[in-house]
């Protein structure tokens, strides 16, 4: 069990989300950076869907019992007691020790996983916190000082999953100015060729009004935005809508299940973590067109690299 001593910014419990309920208007939720979330769970021997803590601020916790944790993502510096540790690794924590997670300059989301996974309110098969719906996780609210996070029974001996890391070459190439792959959307034909060329060649800054529902972008206006209304239809995480002001909006983890603006493109699953880690008000993104087939290949390769990139202490000792 972890006791929360301090919690600033947005800190919530998330698992892999709520598949199968979008037809009823239920957002998927889950992590903003699905890759970092999955990696944190794999490091501590959990199923990749186990509940973890998504951190968008400063957090201080105290371990009430011995445990093994992993922290991945970007935008956070980790210390355990008085020692600093790099992200993308798993660490044994003795009962009574403090875990401090402090905001760093670059990045938005970090993930704290514990061997066994965290317990929380289970709604429609998921422990993910959906803040607008006020359910999941810790009664549908952000994690705050005074909370106690219950850790479920680990599947492995703690020492088996401590002192592991994700090889650097298996991690995403996070950047303050990423080039993000997109597949043209179902209404891309509503945009003139000039608009598409502008969209695929211009930098866009992430607006301060961005949140878990969507990232609003500021940049070159797409002229067809004034004709962008369509009959409301389904949306998915990564869909890029263009409303009447001509400024794109990228749908994120808590996005609505339907929308009535033309979708010019959709961010690929492999590259969505790069966008998620961009800091609103500071970082920028560019879009590059890719095919559906190449996007699928990139995602499979990314997952294969992650599985092969979990390195244990024994692997490093023997050069494996």
C-alpha atoms as a PDB file:
ATOM      1  CA  UNK A   1       0.000   0.000   0.000  1.00  0.00           C
ATOM      2  CA  UNK A   2       1.177   3.541  -0.797  1.00  0.00           C
ATOM      3  CA  UNK A   3       0.115   6.539   1.267  1.00  0.00           C
ATOM      4  CA  UNK A   4      -0.181   9.811  -0.653  1.00  0.00           C
ATOM      5  CA  UNK A   5       1.559  12.586   1.292  1.00  0.00           C
ATOM      6  CA  UNK A   6       1.377  15.283  -1.401  1.00  0.00           C
ATOM      7  CA  UNK A   7      -0.304  15.476  -4.812  1.00  0.00           C
ATOM      8  CA  UNK A   8      -0.214  18.494  -7.108  1.00  0.00           C
ATOM      9  CA  UNK A   9      -1.461  18.791 -10.668  1.00  0.00           C
ATOM     10  CA  UNK A  10      -3.605  16.086 -12.258  1.00  0.00           C
ATOM     11  CA  UNK A  11      -2.937  12.641 -10.775  1.00  0.00           C
ATOM     12  CA  UNK A  12      -5.385   9.800 -11.495  1.00  0.00           C
ATOM     13  CA  UNK A  13      -5.621   6.033 -11.572  1.00  0.00           C
ATOM     14  CA  UNK A  14      -5.794   4.585 -15.083  1.00  0.00           C
ATOM     15  CA  UNK A  15      -5.778   1.102 -16.553  1.00  0.00           C
ATOM     16  CA  UNK A  16      -5.974   0.099 -20.227  1.00  0.00           C
ATOM     17  CA  UNK A  17      -9.432   1.691 -20.620  1.00  0.00           C
ATOM     18  CA  UNK A  18     -13.021   0.616 -21.335  1.00  0.00           C
ATOM     19  CA  UNK A  19     -13.211  -1.200 -24.680  1.00  0.00           C
ATOM     20  CA  UNK A  20     -16.620  -2.244 -25.976  1.00  0.00           C
ATOM     21  CA  UNK A  21     -18.692   0.576 -24.498  1.00  0.00           C
ATOM     22  CA  UNK A  22     -18.199   3.410 -27.001  1.00  0.00           C
ATOM     23  CA  UNK A  23     -21.398   2.410 -28.844  1.00  0.00           C
ATOM     24  CA  UNK A  24     -23.267   3.491 -25.702  1.00  0.00           C
ATOM     25  CA  UNK A  25     -21.514   6.851 -25.513  1.00  0.00           C
ATOM     26  CA  UNK A  26     -18.908   5.803 -22.947  1.00  0.00           C
ATOM     27  CA  UNK A  27     -15.411   7.278 -23.526  1.00  0.00           C
ATOM     28  CA  UNK A  28     -12.517   4.836 -23.612  1.00  0.00           C
ATOM     29  CA  UNK A  29     -10.403   6.714 -21.021  1.00  0.00           C
ATOM     30  CA  UNK A  30      -7.172   4.959 -20.036  1.00  0.00           C
ATOM     31  CA  UNK A  31      -3.656   6.426 -20.304  1.00  0.00           C
ATOM     32  CA  UNK A  32      -2.657   9.444 -22.358  1.00  0.00           C
ATOM     33  CA  UNK A  33       0.666   7.772 -23.212  1.00  0.00           C
ATOM     34  CA  UNK A  34      -0.291   4.132 -23.764  1.00  0.00           C
ATOM     35  CA  UNK A  35       3.281   3.058 -24.492  1.00  0.00           C
ATOM     36  CA  UNK A  36       4.739   4.385 -21.229  1.00  0.00           C
ATOM     37  CA  UNK A  37       1.779   2.931 -19.308  1.00  0.00           C
ATOM     38  CA  UNK A  38       2.312  -0.514 -20.824  1.00  0.00           C
ATOM     39  CA  UNK A  39       6.061  -0.366 -20.216  1.00  0.00           C
ATOM     40  CA  UNK A  40       5.622   0.480 -16.525  1.00  0.00           C
ATOM     41  CA  UNK A  41       3.414  -2.574 -16.011  1.00  0.00           C
ATOM     42  CA  UNK A  42       5.733  -4.898 -17.911  1.00  0.00           C
ATOM     43  CA  UNK A  43       8.706  -3.761 -15.828  1.00  0.00           C
ATOM     44  CA  UNK A  44       7.038  -4.930 -12.599  1.00  0.00           C
ATOM     45  CA  UNK A  45       5.632  -8.152 -14.074  1.00  0.00           C
ATOM     46  CA  UNK A  46       2.014  -7.018 -14.308  1.00  0.00           C
ATOM     47  CA  UNK A  47      -0.424  -7.675 -17.138  1.00  0.00           C
ATOM     48  CA  UNK A  48      -0.108  -4.738 -19.532  1.00  0.00           C
ATOM     49  CA  UNK A  49      -3.661  -3.654 -18.629  1.00  0.00           C
ATOM     50  CA  UNK A  50      -3.164  -3.406 -14.827  1.00  0.00           C
ATOM     51  CA  UNK A  51      -4.095  -0.152 -13.104  1.00  0.00           C
ATOM     52  CA  UNK A  52      -1.278   2.362 -12.617  1.00  0.00           C
ATOM     53  CA  UNK A  53      -1.073   5.977 -11.492  1.00  0.00           C
ATOM     54  CA  UNK A  54      -0.948   8.607 -14.244  1.00  0.00           C
ATOM     55  CA  UNK A  55       1.008  11.594 -12.989  1.00  0.00           C
ATOM     56  CA  UNK A  56       0.745  15.122 -14.363  1.00  0.00           C
ATOM     57  CA  UNK A  57       2.215  16.977 -11.391  1.00  0.00           C
ATOM     58  CA  UNK A  58       4.265  16.606  -8.209  1.00  0.00           C
ATOM     59  CA  UNK A  59       3.606  13.614  -5.951  1.00  0.00           C
ATOM     60  CA  UNK A  60       5.096  12.351  -2.702  1.00  0.00           C
ATOM     61  CA  UNK A  61       4.164   8.898  -1.401  1.00  0.00           C
ATOM     62  CA  UNK A  62       5.181   6.652   1.464  1.00  0.00           C
ATOM     63  CA  UNK A  63       5.374   2.879   1.077  1.00  0.00           C
ATOM     64  CA  UNK A  64       3.594   1.235   3.997  1.00  0.00           C
ATOM     65  CA  UNK A  65       4.970  -2.192   3.043  1.00  0.00           C
ATOM     66  CA  UNK A  66       7.818  -3.491   0.896  1.00  0.00           C
ATOM     67  CA  UNK A  67       6.972  -3.194  -2.802  1.00  0.00           C
ATOM     68  CA  UNK A  68       8.484  -2.865  -6.268  1.00  0.00           C
ATOM     69  CA  UNK A  69       7.609   0.141  -8.408  1.00  0.00           C
ATOM     70  CA  UNK A  70       8.419   1.351 -11.910  1.00  0.00           C
ATOM     71  CA  UNK A  71       8.115   4.881 -13.288  1.00  0.00           C
ATOM     72  CA  UNK A  72       8.046   5.598 -17.016  1.00  0.00           C
ATOM     73  CA  UNK A  73       7.040   8.441 -19.316  1.00  0.00           C
ATOM     74  CA  UNK A  74       8.421  11.983 -19.357  1.00  0.00           C
ATOM     75  CA  UNK A  75       8.246  15.186 -17.354  1.00  0.00           C
ATOM     76  CA  UNK A  76       9.085  13.668 -13.964  1.00  0.00           C
ATOM     77  CA  UNK A  77      12.202  13.232 -11.822  1.00  0.00           C
ATOM     78  CA  UNK A  78      12.197  10.272  -9.439  1.00  0.00           C
ATOM     79  CA  UNK A  79      13.791   9.938  -6.022  1.00  0.00           C
ATOM     80  CA  UNK A  80      13.349   7.174  -3.437  1.00  0.00           C
ATOM     81  CA  UNK A  81      14.335   8.255   0.073  1.00  0.00           C
ATOM     82  CA  UNK A  82      17.422  10.364  -0.591  1.00  0.00           C
ATOM     83  CA  UNK A  83      18.514   8.679  -3.839  1.00  0.00           C
ATOM     84  CA  UNK A  84      17.743   9.810  -7.383  1.00  0.00           C
ATOM     85  CA  UNK A  85      16.827   7.194  -9.979  1.00  0.00           C
ATOM     86  CA  UNK A  86      16.262   7.322 -13.740  1.00  0.00           C
ATOM     87  CA  UNK A  87      12.841   6.678 -15.235  1.00  0.00           C
ATOM     88  CA  UNK A  88      12.100   3.503 -17.214  1.00  0.00           C
ATOM     89  CA  UNK A  89      13.330   1.228 -14.442  1.00  0.00           C
ATOM     90  CA  UNK A  90      11.897  -0.905 -11.616  1.00  0.00           C
ATOM     91  CA  UNK A  91      13.014  -0.454  -8.004  1.00  0.00           C
ATOM     92  CA  UNK A  92      12.583  -2.249  -4.673  1.00  0.00           C
ATOM     93  CA  UNK A  93      11.088   0.080  -2.053  1.00  0.00           C
ATOM     94  CA  UNK A  94      11.137  -0.805   1.651  1.00  0.00           C
ATOM     95  CA  UNK A  95       8.183  -0.099   3.880  1.00  0.00           C
ATOM     96  CA  UNK A  96       8.516   3.410   5.344  1.00  0.00           C
ATOM     97  CA  UNK A  97      10.525   4.810   2.448  1.00  0.00           C
ATOM     98  CA  UNK A  98       9.287   7.885   0.563  1.00  0.00           C
ATOM     99  CA  UNK A  99       8.838   8.080  -3.194  1.00  0.00           C
ATOM    100  CA  UNK A 100       9.088  11.595  -4.606  1.00  0.00           C
ATOM    101  CA  UNK A 101       8.026  12.461  -8.156  1.00  0.00           C
ATOM    102  CA  UNK A 102       8.811  16.066  -9.137  1.00  0.00           C
ATOM    103  CA  UNK A 103       7.991  17.883 -12.356  1.00  0.00           C
ATOM    104  CA  UNK A 104      10.847  18.233 -14.849  1.00  0.00           C
ATOM    105  CA  UNK A 105      11.042  20.671 -17.729  1.00  0.00           C
ATOM    106  CA  UNK A 106      10.023  18.472 -20.672  1.00  0.00           C
ATOM    107  CA  UNK A 107       7.051  16.128 -20.860  1.00  0.00           C
ATOM    108  CA  UNK A 108       3.516  15.870 -19.514  1.00  0.00           C
ATOM    109  CA  UNK A 109       2.707  12.372 -18.237  1.00  0.00           C
ATOM    110  CA  UNK A 110       4.492   9.773 -16.145  1.00  0.00           C
ATOM    111  CA  UNK A 111       3.241   6.381 -14.964  1.00  0.00           C
ATOM    112  CA  UNK A 112       3.800   4.755 -11.600  1.00  0.00           C
ATOM    113  CA  UNK A 113       3.157   1.004 -11.604  1.00  0.00           C
ATOM    114  CA  UNK A 114       3.521  -1.328  -8.630  1.00  0.00           C
ATOM    115  CA  UNK A 115       4.034  -5.091  -8.773  1.00  0.00           C
ATOM    116  CA  UNK A 116       0.508  -6.474  -8.442  1.00  0.00           C
ATOM    117  CA  UNK A 117      -1.245  -3.396  -9.820  1.00  0.00           C
ATOM    118  CA  UNK A 118      -3.448  -0.940  -7.933  1.00  0.00           C
ATOM    119  CA  UNK A 119      -6.961  -1.642  -6.723  1.00  0.00           C
ATOM    120  CA  UNK A 120      -9.712   0.859  -7.437  1.00  0.00           C
ATOM    121  CA  UNK A 121     -13.378   1.299  -8.256  1.00  0.00           C
ATOM    122  CA  UNK A 122     -14.217  -1.121 -11.082  1.00  0.00           C
ATOM    123  CA  UNK A 123     -16.807   0.298 -13.513  1.00  0.00           C
ATOM    124  CA  UNK A 124     -17.714  -1.477 -16.762  1.00  0.00           C
ATOM    125  CA  UNK A 125     -14.673  -3.698 -16.416  1.00  0.00           C
ATOM    126  CA  UNK A 126     -12.155  -0.905 -15.899  1.00  0.00           C
ATOM    127  CA  UNK A 127     -10.522   0.960 -13.012  1.00  0.00           C
ATOM    128  CA  UNK A 128      -9.743   3.978 -15.218  1.00  0.00           C
ATOM    129  CA  UNK A 129     -10.761   7.319 -13.741  1.00  0.00           C
ATOM    130  CA  UNK A 130     -13.228   9.227 -15.920  1.00  0.00           C
ATOM    131  CA  UNK A 131     -13.339  12.659 -14.299  1.00  0.00           C
ATOM    132  CA  UNK A 132     -16.361  14.014 -16.180  1.00  0.00           C
ATOM    133  CA  UNK A 133     -18.377  10.912 -15.312  1.00  0.00           C
ATOM    134  CA  UNK A 134     -17.050  10.853 -11.718  1.00  0.00           C
ATOM    135  CA  UNK A 135     -16.364   7.137 -11.632  1.00  0.00           C
ATOM    136  CA  UNK A 136     -13.482   4.682 -11.727  1.00  0.00           C
ATOM    137  CA  UNK A 137     -10.234   4.771  -9.766  1.00  0.00           C
ATOM    138  CA  UNK A 138     -10.759   6.575  -6.470  1.00  0.00           C
ATOM    139  CA  UNK A 139     -14.480   7.382  -6.797  1.00  0.00           C
ATOM    140  CA  UNK A 140     -13.946   9.172 -10.100  1.00  0.00           C
ATOM    141  CA  UNK A 141     -11.757  11.947  -8.682  1.00  0.00           C
ATOM    142  CA  UNK A 142      -8.071  12.880  -8.813  1.00  0.00           C
ATOM    143  CA  UNK A 143      -5.718  11.294  -6.307  1.00  0.00           C
ATOM    144  CA  UNK A 144      -5.016  13.652  -3.394  1.00  0.00           C
ATOM    145  CA  UNK A 145      -3.046  13.893  -0.169  1.00  0.00           C
ATOM    146  CA  UNK A 146      -4.337  11.487   2.451  1.00  0.00           C
ATOM    147  CA  UNK A 147      -5.343   8.765  -0.016  1.00  0.00           C
ATOM    148  CA  UNK A 148      -4.068   5.232   0.378  1.00  0.00           C
ATOM    149  CA  UNK A 149      -3.430   3.264  -2.798  1.00  0.00           C
ATOM    150  CA  UNK A 150      -3.982  -0.456  -2.310  1.00  0.00           C
ATOM    151  CA  UNK A 151      -1.612  -2.765  -4.185  1.00  0.00           C
ATOM    152  CA  UNK A 152      -2.982  -6.144  -5.264  1.00  0.00           C
ATOM    153  CA  UNK A 153      -1.138  -9.434  -4.839  1.00  0.00           C
ATOM    154  CA  UNK A 154       1.934  -9.556  -7.140  1.00  0.00           C
ATOM    155  CA  UNK A 155       2.232 -12.405  -9.635  1.00  0.00           C
ATOM    156  CA  UNK A 156       5.995 -12.686  -9.046  1.00  0.00           C
ATOM    157  CA  UNK A 157       8.414 -12.552  -6.161  1.00  0.00           C
ATOM    158  CA  UNK A 158       9.369  -8.907  -5.655  1.00  0.00           C
ATOM    159  CA  UNK A 159      13.077  -9.515  -6.173  1.00  0.00           C
ATOM    160  CA  UNK A 160      12.365 -11.122  -9.557  1.00  0.00           C
ATOM    161  CA  UNK A 161      10.974  -7.881 -10.997  1.00  0.00           C
ATOM    162  CA  UNK A 162      13.258  -5.355  -9.273  1.00  0.00           C
ATOM    163  CA  UNK A 163      16.295  -3.793 -10.973  1.00  0.00           C
ATOM    164  CA  UNK A 164      14.924  -4.038 -14.505  1.00  0.00           C
ATOM    165  CA  UNK A 165      14.810  -1.350 -17.157  1.00  0.00           C
ATOM    166  CA  UNK A 166      13.579  -0.601 -20.662  1.00  0.00           C
ATOM    167  CA  UNK A 167      16.510  -0.321 -23.055  1.00  0.00           C
ATOM    168  CA  UNK A 168      16.909   3.207 -24.375  1.00  0.00           C
ATOM    169  CA  UNK A 169      16.512   2.130 -27.995  1.00  0.00           C
ATOM    170  CA  UNK A 170      13.104   0.617 -27.164  1.00  0.00           C
ATOM    171  CA  UNK A 171      11.696   3.880 -25.765  1.00  0.00           C
ATOM    172  CA  UNK A 172       9.767   6.477 -27.789  1.00  0.00           C
ATOM    173  CA  UNK A 173      11.757   9.344 -29.289  1.00  0.00           C
ATOM    174  CA  UNK A 174      10.017  12.011 -27.205  1.00  0.00           C
ATOM    175  CA  UNK A 175      10.661  15.550 -28.387  1.00  0.00           C
ATOM    176  CA  UNK A 176       9.446  19.111 -27.842  1.00  0.00           C
ATOM    177  CA  UNK A 177       8.856  19.290 -31.605  1.00  0.00           C
ATOM    178  CA  UNK A 178       7.917  15.799 -32.856  1.00  0.00           C
ATOM    179  CA  UNK A 179       6.958  14.872 -36.417  1.00  0.00           C
ATOM    180  CA  UNK A 180       3.831  12.785 -35.913  1.00  0.00           C
ATOM    181  CA  UNK A 181       2.510  10.278 -38.437  1.00  0.00           C
ATOM    182  CA  UNK A 182      -1.120  10.609 -39.530  1.00  0.00           C
ATOM    183  CA  UNK A 183      -3.479   8.690 -41.789  1.00  0.00           C
ATOM    184  CA  UNK A 184      -5.817  10.928 -43.792  1.00  0.00           C
ATOM    185  CA  UNK A 185      -9.292  10.966 -42.281  1.00  0.00           C
ATOM    186  CA  UNK A 186     -12.738  10.083 -43.632  1.00  0.00           C
ATOM    187  CA  UNK A 187     -13.532  13.727 -44.479  1.00  0.00           C
ATOM    188  CA  UNK A 188     -10.130  14.683 -45.896  1.00  0.00           C
ATOM    189  CA  UNK A 189     -11.827  15.080 -49.291  1.00  0.00           C
ATOM    190  CA  UNK A 190     -13.705  18.114 -47.907  1.00  0.00           C
ATOM    191  CA  UNK A 191     -10.423  20.012 -47.692  1.00  0.00           C
ATOM    192  CA  UNK A 192      -8.761  21.590 -50.729  1.00  0.00           C
ATOM    193  CA  UNK A 193      -5.363  20.299 -51.762  1.00  0.00           C
ATOM    194  CA  UNK A 194      -3.829  23.556 -50.510  1.00  0.00           C
ATOM    195  CA  UNK A 195      -5.343  22.996 -47.063  1.00  0.00           C
ATOM    196  CA  UNK A 196      -3.965  19.466 -46.910  1.00  0.00           C
ATOM    197  CA  UNK A 197      -0.537  20.733 -47.971  1.00  0.00           C
ATOM    198  CA  UNK A 198      -0.636  23.401 -45.247  1.00  0.00           C
ATOM    199  CA  UNK A 199      -1.719  20.866 -42.637  1.00  0.00           C
ATOM    200  CA  UNK A 200       1.129  18.512 -43.567  1.00  0.00           C
ATOM    201  CA  UNK A 201       3.835  21.178 -43.728  1.00  0.00           C
ATOM    202  CA  UNK A 202       3.074  23.698 -40.968  1.00  0.00           C
ATOM    203  CA  UNK A 203       4.030  23.577 -37.281  1.00  0.00           C
ATOM    204  CA  UNK A 204       1.222  23.662 -34.735  1.00  0.00           C
ATOM    205  CA  UNK A 205       1.601  24.652 -31.098  1.00  0.00           C
ATOM    206  CA  UNK A 206      -0.315  22.804 -28.389  1.00  0.00           C
ATOM    207  CA  UNK A 207      -2.814  25.254 -26.865  1.00  0.00           C
ATOM    208  CA  UNK A 208      -3.034  25.840 -23.125  1.00  0.00           C
ATOM    209  CA  UNK A 209      -6.729  24.874 -23.281  1.00  0.00           C
ATOM    210  CA  UNK A 210      -5.739  21.238 -23.930  1.00  0.00           C
ATOM    211  CA  UNK A 211      -6.687  18.430 -21.535  1.00  0.00           C
ATOM    212  CA  UNK A 212      -7.317  14.677 -21.373  1.00  0.00           C
ATOM    213  CA  UNK A 213     -10.306  15.105 -23.693  1.00  0.00           C
ATOM    214  CA  UNK A 214      -8.434  16.803 -26.525  1.00  0.00           C
ATOM    215  CA  UNK A 215      -5.324  18.743 -27.542  1.00  0.00           C
ATOM    216  CA  UNK A 216      -6.220  22.023 -29.230  1.00  0.00           C
ATOM    217  CA  UNK A 217      -3.647  23.215 -31.736  1.00  0.00           C
ATOM    218  CA  UNK A 218      -2.719  26.748 -32.831  1.00  0.00           C
ATOM    219  CA  UNK A 219      -1.168  27.352 -36.233  1.00  0.00           C
ATOM    220  CA  UNK A 220      -1.976  27.788 -39.898  1.00  0.00           C
ATOM    221  CA  UNK A 221      -5.746  28.125 -40.315  1.00  0.00           C
ATOM    222  CA  UNK A 222      -7.384  25.580 -42.610  1.00  0.00           C
ATOM    223  CA  UNK A 223      -9.774  27.524 -44.834  1.00  0.00           C
ATOM    224  CA  UNK A 224     -12.307  24.715 -45.129  1.00  0.00           C
ATOM    225  CA  UNK A 225     -12.879  24.882 -41.402  1.00  0.00           C
ATOM    226  CA  UNK A 226     -15.875  27.136 -42.028  1.00  0.00           C
ATOM    227  CA  UNK A 227     -17.551  24.251 -43.905  1.00  0.00           C
ATOM    228  CA  UNK A 228     -16.526  21.532 -41.483  1.00  0.00           C
ATOM    229  CA  UNK A 229     -19.866  20.604 -39.887  1.00  0.00           C
ATOM    230  CA  UNK A 230     -20.992  17.068 -40.677  1.00  0.00           C
ATOM    231  CA  UNK A 231     -23.634  14.707 -39.358  1.00  0.00           C
ATOM    232  CA  UNK A 232     -22.313  13.523 -36.007  1.00  0.00           C
ATOM    233  CA  UNK A 233     -20.408  10.236 -36.311  1.00  0.00           C
ATOM    234  CA  UNK A 234     -18.000   8.047 -34.348  1.00  0.00           C
ATOM    235  CA  UNK A 235     -14.559   9.197 -33.227  1.00  0.00           C
ATOM    236  CA  UNK A 236     -11.522   7.503 -31.781  1.00  0.00           C
ATOM    237  CA  UNK A 237      -8.471   8.639 -29.849  1.00  0.00           C
ATOM    238  CA  UNK A 238      -6.115  10.352 -32.282  1.00  0.00           C
ATOM    239  CA  UNK A 239      -8.857  11.675 -34.595  1.00  0.00           C
ATOM    240  CA  UNK A 240      -8.130  15.233 -35.728  1.00  0.00           C
ATOM    241  CA  UNK A 241     -11.235  17.400 -36.064  1.00  0.00           C
ATOM    242  CA  UNK A 242     -11.271  20.814 -37.727  1.00  0.00           C
ATOM    243  CA  UNK A 243     -13.988  23.110 -36.330  1.00  0.00           C
ATOM    244  CA  UNK A 244     -15.191  26.406 -37.815  1.00  0.00           C
ATOM    245  CA  UNK A 245     -12.150  28.391 -36.642  1.00  0.00           C
ATOM    246  CA  UNK A 246      -9.893  26.203 -38.806  1.00  0.00           C
ATOM    247  CA  UNK A 247      -7.652  25.160 -35.881  1.00  0.00           C
ATOM    248  CA  UNK A 248      -7.247  21.360 -35.496  1.00  0.00           C
ATOM    249  CA  UNK A 249      -8.217  19.485 -32.322  1.00  0.00           C
ATOM    250  CA  UNK A 250      -6.685  16.060 -31.627  1.00  0.00           C
ATOM    251  CA  UNK A 251      -8.953  13.730 -29.661  1.00  0.00           C
ATOM    252  CA  UNK A 252      -7.235  12.203 -26.629  1.00  0.00           C
ATOM    253  CA  UNK A 253      -8.002   9.554 -23.995  1.00  0.00           C
ATOM    254  CA  UNK A 254     -11.262  10.999 -22.632  1.00  0.00           C
ATOM    255  CA  UNK A 255     -12.620  12.145 -25.998  1.00  0.00           C
ATOM    256  CA  UNK A 256     -16.327  11.961 -26.782  1.00  0.00           C
ATOM    257  CA  UNK A 257     -17.476   8.950 -28.772  1.00  0.00           C
ATOM    258  CA  UNK A 258     -19.064  11.048 -31.544  1.00  0.00           C
ATOM    259  CA  UNK A 259     -18.407  14.422 -33.139  1.00  0.00           C
ATOM    260  CA  UNK A 260     -19.817  16.688 -35.809  1.00  0.00           C
ATOM    261  CA  UNK A 261     -16.696  18.300 -37.277  1.00  0.00           C
ATOM    262  CA  UNK A 262     -14.831  17.018 -40.321  1.00  0.00           C
ATOM    263  CA  UNK A 263     -11.872  14.790 -39.476  1.00  0.00           C
ATOM    264  CA  UNK A 264      -8.914  15.654 -41.650  1.00  0.00           C
ATOM    265  CA  UNK A 265      -6.662  12.876 -40.297  1.00  0.00           C
ATOM    266  CA  UNK A 266      -5.942  10.491 -37.418  1.00  0.00           C
ATOM    267  CA  UNK A 267      -2.664  10.217 -35.487  1.00  0.00           C
ATOM    268  CA  UNK A 268      -1.149   6.734 -35.625  1.00  0.00           C
ATOM    269  CA  UNK A 269      -1.079   4.606 -32.469  1.00  0.00           C
ATOM    270  CA  UNK A 270       2.714   4.427 -32.590  1.00  0.00           C
ATOM    271  CA  UNK A 271       3.113   8.222 -32.627  1.00  0.00           C
ATOM    272  CA  UNK A 272       0.268   9.321 -30.352  1.00  0.00           C
ATOM    273  CA  UNK A 273       2.538   9.083 -27.253  1.00  0.00           C
ATOM    274  CA  UNK A 274       4.861  11.670 -28.862  1.00  0.00           C
ATOM    275  CA  UNK A 275       1.997  14.141 -29.106  1.00  0.00           C
ATOM    276  CA  UNK A 276       0.657  13.296 -25.643  1.00  0.00           C
ATOM    277  CA  UNK A 277       3.968  14.296 -24.068  1.00  0.00           C
ATOM    278  CA  UNK A 278       3.997  17.756 -25.697  1.00  0.00           C
ATOM    279  CA  UNK A 279       3.560  20.508 -23.115  1.00  0.00           C
ATOM    280  CA  UNK A 280       0.634  22.890 -23.790  1.00  0.00           C
ATOM    281  CA  UNK A 281       1.723  26.493 -24.240  1.00  0.00           C
ATOM    282  CA  UNK A 282       5.267  25.549 -25.177  1.00  0.00           C
ATOM    283  CA  UNK A 283       5.802  22.570 -27.497  1.00  0.00           C
ATOM    284  CA  UNK A 284       4.879  22.185 -31.148  1.00  0.00           C
ATOM    285  CA  UNK A 285       4.091  19.350 -33.528  1.00  0.00           C
ATOM    286  CA  UNK A 286       4.229  18.689 -37.261  1.00  0.00           C
ATOM    287  CA  UNK A 287       2.232  16.078 -39.154  1.00  0.00           C
ATOM    288  CA  UNK A 288       3.487  13.692 -41.823  1.00  0.00           C
ATOM    289  CA  UNK A 289       1.215  11.498 -43.940  1.00  0.00           C
ATOM    290  CA  UNK A 290       1.676   7.723 -43.732  1.00  0.00           C
ATOM    291  CA  UNK A 291      -0.293   4.788 -45.084  1.00  0.00           C
ATOM    292  CA  UNK A 292      -2.466   2.506 -42.974  1.00  0.00           C
ATOM    293  CA  UNK A 293      -0.165  -0.417 -43.767  1.00  0.00           C
ATOM    294  CA  UNK A 294       2.996   1.411 -42.678  1.00  0.00           C
ATOM    295  CA  UNK A 295       1.250   2.599 -39.498  1.00  0.00           C
ATOM    296  CA  UNK A 296       0.374  -0.996 -38.621  1.00  0.00           C
ATOM    297  CA  UNK A 297       3.950  -2.131 -39.256  1.00  0.00           C
ATOM    298  CA  UNK A 298       5.332   0.709 -37.102  1.00  0.00           C
ATOM    299  CA  UNK A 299       3.059  -0.202 -34.209  1.00  0.00           C
ATOM    300  CA  UNK A 300       3.930  -3.903 -34.348  1.00  0.00           C
ATOM    301  CA  UNK A 301       7.640  -3.063 -34.441  1.00  0.00           C
ATOM    302  CA  UNK A 302       7.217  -0.694 -31.489  1.00  0.00           C
ATOM    303  CA  UNK A 303       5.535  -3.393 -29.408  1.00  0.00           C
ATOM    304  CA  UNK A 304       8.151  -5.986 -30.406  1.00  0.00           C
ATOM    305  CA  UNK A 305      10.970  -3.618 -29.388  1.00  0.00           C
ATOM    306  CA  UNK A 306       9.330  -3.060 -26.010  1.00  0.00           C
ATOM    307  CA  UNK A 307       8.965  -6.776 -25.269  1.00  0.00           C
ATOM    308  CA  UNK A 308      12.570  -7.406 -26.297  1.00  0.00           C
ATOM    309  CA  UNK A 309      13.805  -4.290 -24.525  1.00  0.00           C
ATOM    310  CA  UNK A 310      12.995  -5.264 -20.931  1.00  0.00           C
ATOM    311  CA  UNK A 311      16.451  -5.832 -19.442  1.00  0.00           C
ATOM    312  CA  UNK A 312      16.987  -7.469 -16.057  1.00  0.00           C
ATOM    313  CA  UNK A 313      19.960  -7.165 -13.735  1.00  0.00           C
ATOM    314  CA  UNK A 314      21.158 -10.608 -14.863  1.00  0.00           C
ATOM    315  CA  UNK A 315      20.978  -9.551 -18.526  1.00  0.00           C
ATOM    316  CA  UNK A 316      23.263  -6.589 -17.870  1.00  0.00           C
ATOM    317  CA  UNK A 317      25.649  -8.595 -15.706  1.00  0.00           C
ATOM    318  CA  UNK A 318      26.237 -11.181 -18.415  1.00  0.00           C
ATOM    319  CA  UNK A 319      25.965  -8.842 -21.383  1.00  0.00           C
ATOM    320  CA  UNK A 320      22.666 -10.397 -22.559  1.00  0.00           C
END
